[in-house]
Amino acid sequence: MRLSAVRIADSKGAALRGLTLNGVFDRPATEQGRLARAFTETRPGVYDTTVPDVPGVWDLALKGQDASGEPFDSQARMTWR
């Protein structure tokens, strides 16, 4: 397993803390390997989860909310080696 961490900041670079986050990892080249994961805040604005150690290109769709219920959505493409 590999640790996957995302850093989330506002437009001024300040850490966004206290989010409840869930993500879905997809491989754009295949329909195999879809992973749904919950993320845990381990440092201010840094959220971690574990995923299988499978190299390649992955897309991550994050959804969540802050303590007041304000929604958070983000997408990113990552390459693991």
Protein backbone atom coordinates (compact mmCIF):
# COMPACT_ATOMS: atom_id res chain seq x y z
CA MET A 1 0.00 0.00 0.00
CA ARG A 2 1.06 3.53 -0.60
CA LEU A 3 0.14 6.69 1.26
CA SER A 4 -1.61 9.29 -0.86
CA ALA A 5 -1.70 12.82 0.54
CA VAL A 6 -3.37 15.96 -0.77
CA ARG A 7 -2.75 19.49 0.45
CA ILE A 8 -5.77 21.76 0.27
CA ALA A 9 -5.43 25.53 0.50
CA ASP A 10 -7.58 28.55 -0.22
CA SER A 11 -6.78 31.14 -2.91
CA LYS A 12 -4.35 32.90 -0.54
CA GLY A 13 -2.46 29.68 0.28
CA ALA A 14 -3.93 29.19 3.76
CA ALA A 15 -4.61 25.58 4.73
CA LEU A 16 -8.25 24.50 4.59
CA ARG A 17 -8.79 22.67 7.85
CA GLY A 18 -11.53 20.46 9.19
CA LEU A 19 -12.87 19.10 5.91
CA THR A 20 -14.71 15.81 5.68
CA LEU A 21 -13.32 14.35 2.44
CA ASN A 22 -14.01 11.32 0.31
CA GLY A 23 -12.30 10.56 -2.96
CA VAL A 24 -12.62 8.26 -5.92
CA PHE A 25 -9.46 7.20 -7.77
CA ASP A 26 -9.94 6.11 -11.40
CA ARG A 27 -7.49 4.95 -14.05
CA PRO A 28 -8.25 6.88 -17.26
CA ALA A 29 -6.78 4.16 -19.49
CA THR A 30 -8.94 1.33 -18.11
CA GLU A 31 -12.14 0.74 -16.22
CA GLN A 32 -10.36 -1.53 -13.74
CA GLY A 33 -9.01 -0.26 -10.47
CA ARG A 34 -11.65 2.22 -9.29
CA LEU A 35 -11.07 2.96 -5.60
CA ALA A 36 -13.28 4.87 -3.18
CA ARG A 37 -11.40 6.19 -0.14
CA ALA A 38 -12.01 8.40 2.88
CA PHE A 39 -9.29 10.96 3.67
CA THR A 40 -8.14 11.94 7.16
CA GLU A 41 -6.59 15.30 8.07
CA THR A 42 -3.13 14.50 9.44
CA ARG A 43 -1.69 18.04 9.47
CA PRO A 44 -3.39 21.40 8.90
CA GLY A 45 -4.77 21.22 5.37
CA VAL A 46 -3.12 17.86 4.57
CA TYR A 47 -5.40 14.87 4.08
CA ASP A 48 -4.12 11.29 3.76
CA THR A 49 -5.43 7.92 2.66
CA THR A 50 -3.87 4.64 1.56
CA VAL A 51 -4.12 3.11 -1.91
CA PRO A 52 -2.59 0.06 -3.60
CA ASP A 53 0.93 0.56 -4.91
CA VAL A 54 -0.01 0.42 -8.60
CA PRO A 55 2.03 2.73 -10.85
CA GLY A 56 0.44 4.69 -13.66
CA VAL A 57 -1.91 7.58 -14.26
CA TRP A 58 -4.81 8.07 -11.87
CA ASP A 59 -7.62 10.63 -11.72
CA LEU A 60 -8.84 11.71 -8.29
CA ALA A 61 -12.28 13.24 -7.68
CA LEU A 62 -12.58 14.69 -4.17
CA LYS A 63 -15.87 15.66 -2.56
CA GLY A 64 -16.55 16.85 0.93
CA GLN A 65 -17.65 19.67 3.16
CA ASP A 66 -16.41 21.85 5.96
CA ALA A 67 -17.87 21.98 9.48
CA SER A 68 -20.53 24.51 8.42
CA GLY A 69 -21.68 22.30 5.52
CA GLU A 70 -19.99 24.33 2.78
CA PRO A 71 -19.27 21.90 -0.09
CA PHE A 72 -15.80 21.16 -1.44
CA ASP A 73 -15.15 19.57 -4.86
CA SER A 74 -11.84 19.08 -6.66
CA GLN A 75 -10.34 16.94 -9.42
CA ALA A 76 -6.71 16.14 -10.18
CA ARG A 77 -4.66 13.84 -12.40
CA MET A 78 -1.68 12.12 -10.81
CA THR A 79 1.13 9.87 -12.03
CA TRP A 80 2.52 7.30 -9.60
CA ARG A 81 5.89 5.72 -10.28
